[in-house]
């Protein structure tokens, strides 16, 4: 069973919709706009006691990095780091992007840089965008995409 720990960013869903309009097959089905904290993750994990207040994030630009189009989310890096520290035995993405890859919202993946640049270009008119993470989710890959197994709501505090 393949799982991941993600932070959802509901306010960034218009970016995902723009990516889907360009190349729907490059957008992961079953997941809303999110930042991946740990992938692969544990089949089951105790998610109690997670920090509940997350800072707002400004999504400023869409970039193409390797085989993905993404929006960096540096404001969430301290929160992502805190969650990763809770499970130090898990190396994000099995170490493919280093020990501590930067927090980002993946828009599309699995194509060549030219097609991914078209996705990034379609998203740029919607940026900059201010948003907040609303929950931490344990998600599981299925034959038809991803599904949420466990949700831990986060404290919005003030509106974004």
N, C-alpha and C. Protein backbone atom coordinates (compact mmCIF):
# COMPACT_ATOMS: atom_id res chain seq x y z
N UNK A 1 0.85 -1.18 0.00
CA UNK A 1 0.00 0.00 0.00
C UNK A 1 0.90 1.25 0.00
N UNK A 2 0.66 2.15 -0.93
CA UNK A 2 1.41 3.40 -1.03
C UNK A 2 0.61 4.51 -0.39
N UNK A 3 1.24 5.23 0.54
CA UNK A 3 0.57 6.34 1.20
C UNK A 3 1.46 7.57 1.16
N UNK A 4 0.86 8.71 1.51
CA UNK A 4 1.58 9.97 1.60
C UNK A 4 0.94 10.82 2.69
N UNK A 5 1.71 11.74 3.22
CA UNK A 5 1.20 12.73 4.17
C UNK A 5 1.23 14.07 3.45
N UNK A 6 0.07 14.72 3.34
CA UNK A 6 -0.04 15.96 2.56
C UNK A 6 -0.75 17.05 3.36
N UNK A 7 -0.46 18.29 2.99
CA UNK A 7 -1.16 19.48 3.50
C UNK A 7 -2.03 20.00 2.36
N UNK A 8 -3.33 20.11 2.57
CA UNK A 8 -4.18 20.62 1.49
C UNK A 8 -4.26 22.14 1.54
N UNK A 9 -4.31 22.71 0.35
CA UNK A 9 -4.39 24.17 0.15
C UNK A 9 -5.63 24.47 -0.69
N UNK A 10 -6.82 24.50 -0.07
CA UNK A 10 -8.04 24.67 -0.87
C UNK A 10 -8.07 25.97 -1.68
N UNK A 11 -7.44 27.00 -1.18
CA UNK A 11 -7.43 28.26 -1.92
C UNK A 11 -6.62 28.20 -3.20
N UNK A 12 -5.77 27.18 -3.34
CA UNK A 12 -4.95 27.03 -4.55
C UNK A 12 -5.61 26.15 -5.60
N UNK A 13 -6.82 25.70 -5.34
CA UNK A 13 -7.51 24.84 -6.30
C UNK A 13 -7.66 25.48 -7.69
N UNK A 14 -7.85 26.82 -7.80
CA UNK A 14 -7.89 27.40 -9.15
C UNK A 14 -6.62 27.12 -9.96
N UNK A 15 -5.48 26.98 -9.31
CA UNK A 15 -4.25 26.65 -10.03
C UNK A 15 -4.33 25.24 -10.61
N UNK A 16 -4.88 24.31 -9.82
CA UNK A 16 -5.02 22.94 -10.30
C UNK A 16 -6.03 22.87 -11.44
N UNK A 17 -7.09 23.65 -11.33
CA UNK A 17 -8.10 23.69 -12.41
C UNK A 17 -7.48 24.20 -13.70
N UNK A 18 -6.62 25.22 -13.59
CA UNK A 18 -5.94 25.75 -14.78
C UNK A 18 -5.03 24.69 -15.38
N UNK A 19 -4.31 23.95 -14.54
CA UNK A 19 -3.44 22.88 -15.04
C UNK A 19 -4.26 21.77 -15.71
N UNK A 20 -5.39 21.42 -15.11
CA UNK A 20 -6.25 20.37 -15.69
C UNK A 20 -6.80 20.80 -17.06
N UNK A 21 -7.10 22.08 -17.21
CA UNK A 21 -7.62 22.55 -18.50
C UNK A 21 -6.58 22.36 -19.61
N UNK A 22 -5.31 22.50 -19.26
CA UNK A 22 -4.25 22.37 -20.26
C UNK A 22 -3.94 20.91 -20.56
N UNK A 23 -3.66 20.12 -19.52
CA UNK A 23 -3.28 18.71 -19.69
C UNK A 23 -3.81 17.91 -18.51
N UNK A 24 -5.08 17.51 -18.53
CA UNK A 24 -5.67 16.82 -17.38
C UNK A 24 -4.96 15.52 -17.00
N UNK A 25 -4.39 14.84 -17.96
CA UNK A 25 -3.72 13.57 -17.66
C UNK A 25 -2.42 13.74 -16.87
N UNK A 26 -1.92 14.96 -16.78
CA UNK A 26 -0.68 15.21 -16.03
C UNK A 26 -0.94 15.60 -14.58
N UNK A 27 -2.21 15.76 -14.21
CA UNK A 27 -2.58 16.15 -12.85
C UNK A 27 -3.04 14.90 -12.11
N UNK A 28 -2.47 14.67 -10.91
CA UNK A 28 -2.80 13.47 -10.13
C UNK A 28 -4.28 13.45 -9.75
N UNK A 29 -5.00 12.38 -10.13
CA UNK A 29 -6.42 12.30 -9.77
C UNK A 29 -6.63 11.97 -8.29
N UNK A 30 -7.70 12.52 -7.73
CA UNK A 30 -8.09 12.18 -6.37
C UNK A 30 -7.52 13.06 -5.28
N UNK A 31 -6.62 13.95 -5.63
CA UNK A 31 -6.03 14.84 -4.63
C UNK A 31 -6.33 16.29 -4.97
N UNK A 32 -6.76 17.06 -3.98
CA UNK A 32 -6.90 18.51 -4.22
C UNK A 32 -5.52 19.16 -4.19
N UNK A 33 -5.50 20.46 -4.37
CA UNK A 33 -4.24 21.21 -4.29
C UNK A 33 -3.58 20.92 -2.94
N UNK A 34 -2.29 20.57 -2.97
CA UNK A 34 -1.62 20.16 -1.74
C UNK A 34 -0.11 20.30 -1.83
N UNK A 35 0.51 20.28 -0.66
CA UNK A 35 1.96 20.18 -0.52
C UNK A 35 2.23 18.81 0.09
N UNK A 36 3.06 18.02 -0.55
CA UNK A 36 3.42 16.71 -0.01
C UNK A 36 4.46 16.89 1.08
N UNK A 37 4.19 16.32 2.24
CA UNK A 37 5.13 16.37 3.37
C UNK A 37 6.05 15.16 3.31
N UNK A 38 5.45 13.98 3.26
CA UNK A 38 6.23 12.73 3.20
C UNK A 38 5.58 11.76 2.22
N UNK A 39 6.39 11.30 1.30
CA UNK A 39 5.98 10.26 0.35
C UNK A 39 7.23 9.45 0.02
N UNK A 40 7.17 8.15 0.08
CA UNK A 40 6.10 7.34 0.62
C UNK A 40 6.02 7.49 2.14
N UNK A 41 4.85 7.19 2.69
CA UNK A 41 4.62 7.33 4.12
C UNK A 41 4.28 5.96 4.69
N UNK A 42 3.81 5.96 5.94
CA UNK A 42 3.46 4.73 6.63
C UNK A 42 2.02 4.34 6.31
N UNK A 43 1.72 3.04 6.26
CA UNK A 43 0.33 2.63 6.00
C UNK A 43 -0.64 3.16 7.06
N UNK A 44 -0.17 3.26 8.28
CA UNK A 44 -0.98 3.82 9.37
C UNK A 44 -0.02 4.58 10.27
N UNK A 45 -0.46 5.70 10.78
CA UNK A 45 0.39 6.51 11.66
C UNK A 45 -0.47 7.27 12.64
N UNK A 46 0.08 7.51 13.82
CA UNK A 46 -0.61 8.32 14.82
C UNK A 46 -0.40 9.79 14.46
N UNK A 47 -1.46 10.46 14.07
CA UNK A 47 -1.36 11.86 13.66
C UNK A 47 -1.81 12.80 14.77
N UNK A 48 -1.99 12.29 15.98
CA UNK A 48 -2.37 13.17 17.08
C UNK A 48 -1.17 14.01 17.50
N UNK A 49 -1.46 15.18 18.00
CA UNK A 49 -0.40 16.05 18.51
C UNK A 49 0.38 16.80 17.45
N UNK A 50 -0.11 16.82 16.22
CA UNK A 50 0.58 17.59 15.19
C UNK A 50 0.41 19.08 15.47
N UNK A 51 1.41 19.89 15.13
CA UNK A 51 1.20 21.34 15.27
C UNK A 51 -0.03 21.75 14.48
N UNK A 52 -0.87 22.59 15.07
CA UNK A 52 -2.15 22.88 14.41
C UNK A 52 -2.23 24.25 13.77
N UNK A 53 -1.29 25.12 14.03
CA UNK A 53 -1.34 26.46 13.44
C UNK A 53 -0.27 26.54 12.35
N UNK A 54 -0.71 26.90 11.16
CA UNK A 54 0.16 26.96 10.00
C UNK A 54 0.13 28.38 9.45
N UNK A 55 1.29 28.94 9.08
CA UNK A 55 1.28 30.31 8.55
C UNK A 55 0.63 30.38 7.18
N UNK A 56 0.14 31.55 6.81
CA UNK A 56 -0.36 31.71 5.44
C UNK A 56 0.80 31.58 4.46
N UNK A 57 0.46 31.30 3.23
CA UNK A 57 1.49 31.14 2.19
C UNK A 57 1.14 32.02 1.00
N UNK A 58 2.17 32.60 0.41
CA UNK A 58 2.00 33.34 -0.83
C UNK A 58 2.61 32.49 -1.93
N UNK A 59 1.79 32.15 -2.90
CA UNK A 59 2.24 31.39 -4.06
C UNK A 59 2.58 32.41 -5.13
N UNK A 60 3.86 32.49 -5.50
CA UNK A 60 4.31 33.60 -6.32
C UNK A 60 4.62 33.26 -7.77
N UNK A 61 5.10 32.04 -8.05
CA UNK A 61 5.50 31.73 -9.42
C UNK A 61 5.35 30.24 -9.68
N UNK A 62 5.17 29.89 -10.92
CA UNK A 62 5.14 28.49 -11.36
C UNK A 62 6.46 28.21 -12.07
N UNK A 63 7.06 27.07 -11.74
CA UNK A 63 8.36 26.71 -12.30
C UNK A 63 8.30 25.28 -12.83
N UNK A 64 9.22 24.97 -13.72
CA UNK A 64 9.40 23.60 -14.19
C UNK A 64 10.70 23.09 -13.60
N UNK A 65 10.59 21.99 -12.87
CA UNK A 65 11.76 21.37 -12.23
C UNK A 65 11.75 19.90 -12.64
N UNK A 66 12.71 19.53 -13.44
CA UNK A 66 12.76 18.14 -13.90
C UNK A 66 11.50 17.78 -14.65
N UNK A 67 10.80 16.75 -14.18
CA UNK A 67 9.60 16.25 -14.86
C UNK A 67 8.32 16.73 -14.21
N UNK A 68 8.36 17.94 -13.58
CA UNK A 68 7.12 18.46 -12.99
C UNK A 68 7.06 19.98 -13.11
N UNK A 69 5.82 20.47 -13.16
CA UNK A 69 5.54 21.89 -13.04
C UNK A 69 5.03 22.09 -11.61
N UNK A 70 5.56 23.09 -10.92
CA UNK A 70 5.24 23.27 -9.50
C UNK A 70 5.24 24.74 -9.13
N UNK A 71 4.66 25.01 -7.96
CA UNK A 71 4.69 26.34 -7.37
C UNK A 71 5.38 26.20 -6.01
N UNK A 72 6.56 26.81 -5.85
CA UNK A 72 7.23 26.75 -4.55
C UNK A 72 6.37 27.39 -3.46
N UNK A 73 6.43 26.82 -2.24
CA UNK A 73 5.66 27.33 -1.11
C UNK A 73 6.62 27.47 0.09
N UNK A 74 7.56 28.41 0.02
CA UNK A 74 8.59 28.51 1.06
C UNK A 74 8.03 28.84 2.45
N UNK A 75 6.90 29.52 2.53
CA UNK A 75 6.34 29.86 3.85
C UNK A 75 5.94 28.61 4.63
N UNK A 76 5.65 27.52 3.94
CA UNK A 76 5.26 26.29 4.63
C UNK A 76 6.44 25.39 4.97
N UNK A 77 7.65 25.76 4.55
CA UNK A 77 8.81 24.90 4.79
C UNK A 77 9.04 24.62 6.28
N UNK A 78 8.95 25.62 7.19
CA UNK A 78 9.14 25.28 8.61
C UNK A 78 8.12 24.28 9.13
N UNK A 79 6.88 24.38 8.69
CA UNK A 79 5.85 23.43 9.13
C UNK A 79 6.14 22.04 8.56
N UNK A 80 6.47 21.99 7.28
CA UNK A 80 6.81 20.71 6.63
C UNK A 80 8.00 20.09 7.35
N UNK A 81 9.02 20.90 7.67
CA UNK A 81 10.20 20.39 8.37
C UNK A 81 9.83 19.81 9.74
N UNK A 82 8.92 20.48 10.45
CA UNK A 82 8.50 20.00 11.77
C UNK A 82 7.80 18.64 11.65
N UNK A 83 6.96 18.48 10.64
CA UNK A 83 6.30 17.19 10.45
C UNK A 83 7.30 16.11 10.03
N UNK A 84 8.21 16.46 9.15
CA UNK A 84 9.21 15.46 8.73
C UNK A 84 10.08 15.04 9.91
N UNK A 85 10.35 15.95 10.83
CA UNK A 85 11.17 15.62 12.00
C UNK A 85 10.47 14.61 12.91
N UNK A 86 9.17 14.54 12.84
CA UNK A 86 8.43 13.59 13.67
C UNK A 86 8.66 12.15 13.20
N UNK A 87 8.96 11.98 11.92
CA UNK A 87 9.23 10.66 11.36
C UNK A 87 10.61 10.69 10.67
N UNK A 88 11.69 10.81 11.45
CA UNK A 88 13.03 10.97 10.85
C UNK A 88 13.49 9.75 10.05
N UNK A 89 12.87 8.60 10.29
CA UNK A 89 13.26 7.39 9.56
C UNK A 89 12.76 7.38 8.12
N UNK A 90 11.88 8.31 7.77
CA UNK A 90 11.32 8.35 6.41
C UNK A 90 12.02 9.46 5.62
N UNK A 91 12.66 9.07 4.55
CA UNK A 91 13.32 10.03 3.67
C UNK A 91 12.31 10.45 2.59
N UNK A 92 11.99 11.75 2.51
CA UNK A 92 10.99 12.18 1.52
C UNK A 92 11.36 11.73 0.10
N UNK A 93 10.39 11.20 -0.60
CA UNK A 93 10.56 10.73 -1.98
C UNK A 93 11.70 9.72 -2.10
N UNK A 94 11.95 8.98 -1.02
CA UNK A 94 13.05 8.00 -0.99
C UNK A 94 14.39 8.64 -1.33
N UNK A 95 14.53 9.94 -1.05
CA UNK A 95 15.80 10.63 -1.26
C UNK A 95 16.06 11.08 -2.68
N UNK A 96 15.11 10.90 -3.60
CA UNK A 96 15.34 11.28 -5.01
C UNK A 96 15.62 12.77 -5.18
N UNK A 97 15.12 13.60 -4.26
CA UNK A 97 15.29 15.05 -4.38
C UNK A 97 16.08 15.62 -3.20
N UNK A 98 16.92 14.79 -2.60
CA UNK A 98 17.70 15.21 -1.45
C UNK A 98 16.99 14.87 -0.15
N UNK A 99 17.66 15.16 0.95
CA UNK A 99 17.13 14.80 2.27
C UNK A 99 15.94 15.66 2.69
N UNK A 100 15.86 16.88 2.19
CA UNK A 100 14.79 17.78 2.60
C UNK A 100 14.34 18.63 1.41
N UNK A 101 13.58 18.04 0.51
CA UNK A 101 13.15 18.81 -0.67
C UNK A 101 12.25 19.97 -0.27
N UNK A 102 12.30 21.05 -1.04
CA UNK A 102 11.50 22.23 -0.71
C UNK A 102 10.00 21.97 -0.83
N UNK A 103 9.25 22.65 0.04
CA UNK A 103 7.79 22.57 0.00
C UNK A 103 7.31 23.17 -1.32
N UNK A 104 6.41 22.45 -1.98
CA UNK A 104 5.89 22.93 -3.26
C UNK A 104 4.52 22.31 -3.54
N UNK A 105 3.78 22.98 -4.37
CA UNK A 105 2.50 22.49 -4.88
C UNK A 105 2.77 21.95 -6.28
N UNK A 106 2.62 20.65 -6.47
CA UNK A 106 2.82 20.07 -7.79
C UNK A 106 1.59 20.33 -8.64
N UNK A 107 1.80 20.94 -9.78
CA UNK A 107 0.71 21.23 -10.72
C UNK A 107 0.50 20.08 -11.68
N UNK A 108 1.60 19.58 -12.24
CA UNK A 108 1.54 18.53 -13.25
C UNK A 108 2.87 17.80 -13.26
N UNK A 109 2.83 16.52 -13.66
CA UNK A 109 4.07 15.77 -13.73
C UNK A 109 3.96 14.66 -14.75
N UNK A 110 5.15 14.23 -15.21
CA UNK A 110 5.19 13.09 -16.11
C UNK A 110 5.21 13.45 -17.57
N UNK A 111 5.73 14.61 -17.91
CA UNK A 111 5.80 14.99 -19.32
C UNK A 111 7.14 15.67 -19.57
N UNK A 112 7.31 16.13 -20.78
CA UNK A 112 8.57 16.80 -21.13
C UNK A 112 8.51 18.26 -20.68
N UNK A 113 9.67 18.90 -20.55
CA UNK A 113 9.71 20.29 -20.06
C UNK A 113 8.91 21.28 -20.89
N UNK A 114 8.78 21.05 -22.19
CA UNK A 114 8.03 21.99 -23.03
C UNK A 114 6.55 21.96 -22.66
N UNK A 115 5.97 20.76 -22.53
CA UNK A 115 4.56 20.66 -22.15
C UNK A 115 4.33 21.16 -20.73
N UNK A 116 5.26 20.88 -19.83
CA UNK A 116 5.13 21.36 -18.45
C UNK A 116 5.22 22.88 -18.39
N UNK A 117 6.02 23.46 -19.26
CA UNK A 117 6.10 24.93 -19.32
C UNK A 117 4.78 25.53 -19.76
N UNK A 118 4.04 24.85 -20.64
CA UNK A 118 2.72 25.32 -21.06
C UNK A 118 1.78 25.33 -19.85
N UNK A 119 1.85 24.30 -19.02
CA UNK A 119 1.03 24.25 -17.79
C UNK A 119 1.43 25.41 -16.88
N UNK A 120 2.72 25.60 -16.66
CA UNK A 120 3.19 26.68 -15.79
C UNK A 120 2.73 28.04 -16.31
N UNK A 121 2.81 28.23 -17.62
CA UNK A 121 2.37 29.49 -18.22
C UNK A 121 0.88 29.73 -18.02
N UNK A 122 0.09 28.66 -18.04
CA UNK A 122 -1.36 28.80 -17.85
C UNK A 122 -1.71 29.21 -16.43
N UNK A 123 -0.86 28.87 -15.49
CA UNK A 123 -1.11 29.15 -14.08
C UNK A 123 -0.64 30.54 -13.68
N UNK A 124 0.40 31.03 -14.31
CA UNK A 124 1.02 32.31 -13.90
C UNK A 124 0.06 33.49 -13.81
N UNK A 125 -0.93 33.63 -14.70
CA UNK A 125 -1.85 34.77 -14.56
C UNK A 125 -2.63 34.77 -13.24
N UNK A 126 -2.73 33.62 -12.57
CA UNK A 126 -3.46 33.52 -11.30
C UNK A 126 -2.57 33.86 -10.09
N UNK A 127 -1.30 34.09 -10.34
CA UNK A 127 -0.34 34.36 -9.27
C UNK A 127 0.02 35.83 -9.24
N UNK A 128 0.41 36.39 -8.11
CA UNK A 128 0.54 35.73 -6.82
C UNK A 128 -0.83 35.45 -6.19
N UNK A 129 -0.82 34.49 -5.28
CA UNK A 129 -2.03 34.06 -4.59
C UNK A 129 -1.67 33.82 -3.12
N UNK A 130 -2.53 34.31 -2.23
CA UNK A 130 -2.34 34.07 -0.80
C UNK A 130 -3.32 32.99 -0.36
N UNK A 131 -2.83 31.99 0.37
CA UNK A 131 -3.69 30.88 0.78
C UNK A 131 -3.20 30.31 2.10
N UNK A 132 -3.94 29.36 2.65
CA UNK A 132 -3.58 28.66 3.88
C UNK A 132 -3.82 27.17 3.71
N UNK A 133 -3.03 26.38 4.42
CA UNK A 133 -3.30 24.95 4.51
C UNK A 133 -4.47 24.77 5.48
N UNK A 134 -5.38 23.85 5.14
CA UNK A 134 -6.53 23.65 6.02
C UNK A 134 -6.49 22.34 6.79
N UNK A 135 -5.66 21.37 6.33
CA UNK A 135 -5.63 20.07 7.01
C UNK A 135 -4.38 19.29 6.61
N UNK A 136 -4.01 18.36 7.48
CA UNK A 136 -3.01 17.35 7.16
C UNK A 136 -3.80 16.07 6.86
N UNK A 137 -3.46 15.40 5.77
CA UNK A 137 -4.16 14.18 5.38
C UNK A 137 -3.18 13.04 5.18
N UNK A 138 -3.57 11.87 5.64
CA UNK A 138 -2.91 10.64 5.24
C UNK A 138 -3.70 10.14 4.05
N UNK A 139 -3.05 10.03 2.89
CA UNK A 139 -3.74 9.61 1.68
C UNK A 139 -3.15 8.29 1.19
N UNK A 140 -3.96 7.55 0.44
CA UNK A 140 -3.57 6.24 -0.04
C UNK A 140 -3.80 6.16 -1.55
N UNK A 141 -2.82 5.60 -2.25
CA UNK A 141 -2.97 5.39 -3.69
C UNK A 141 -3.89 4.20 -3.93
N UNK A 142 -4.80 4.38 -4.88
CA UNK A 142 -5.70 3.29 -5.28
C UNK A 142 -5.52 3.09 -6.78
N UNK A 143 -6.22 2.15 -7.34
CA UNK A 143 -6.13 1.90 -8.77
C UNK A 143 -6.65 3.06 -9.61
N UNK A 144 -7.47 3.92 -9.03
CA UNK A 144 -8.06 5.03 -9.79
C UNK A 144 -7.60 6.39 -9.30
N UNK A 145 -6.55 6.44 -8.50
CA UNK A 145 -6.05 7.72 -8.00
C UNK A 145 -5.82 7.63 -6.50
N UNK A 146 -5.84 8.76 -5.86
CA UNK A 146 -5.59 8.85 -4.42
C UNK A 146 -6.89 9.03 -3.67
N UNK A 147 -6.93 8.55 -2.43
CA UNK A 147 -8.10 8.80 -1.58
C UNK A 147 -7.61 9.15 -0.19
N UNK A 148 -8.36 9.99 0.49
CA UNK A 148 -8.02 10.43 1.84
C UNK A 148 -8.44 9.36 2.83
N UNK A 149 -7.51 8.96 3.70
CA UNK A 149 -7.81 7.96 4.74
C UNK A 149 -8.02 8.60 6.10
N UNK A 150 -7.20 9.60 6.44
CA UNK A 150 -7.28 10.25 7.75
C UNK A 150 -7.07 11.75 7.55
N UNK A 151 -7.80 12.56 8.30
CA UNK A 151 -7.69 14.01 8.21
C UNK A 151 -7.50 14.61 9.59
N UNK A 152 -6.55 15.54 9.69
CA UNK A 152 -6.35 16.32 10.90
C UNK A 152 -6.55 17.79 10.51
N UNK A 153 -7.67 18.40 10.93
CA UNK A 153 -7.90 19.82 10.59
C UNK A 153 -6.85 20.72 11.25
N UNK A 154 -6.55 21.82 10.57
CA UNK A 154 -5.61 22.81 11.10
C UNK A 154 -6.36 24.06 11.51
N UNK A 155 -5.74 24.83 12.36
CA UNK A 155 -6.32 26.07 12.85
C UNK A 155 -6.08 27.17 11.83
N UNK A 156 -7.16 27.67 11.26
CA UNK A 156 -7.03 28.75 10.29
C UNK A 156 -6.57 30.05 10.93
N UNK A 157 -6.92 30.25 12.21
CA UNK A 157 -6.61 31.54 12.81
C UNK A 157 -7.39 32.61 12.07
N UNK A 158 -6.70 33.62 11.61
CA UNK A 158 -7.33 34.69 10.84
C UNK A 158 -7.48 34.25 9.40
N UNK A 159 -8.44 34.82 8.67
CA UNK A 159 -8.59 34.46 7.27
C UNK A 159 -7.32 34.78 6.48
N UNK A 160 -7.07 34.04 5.37
CA UNK A 160 -5.85 34.28 4.58
C UNK A 160 -5.82 35.66 3.98
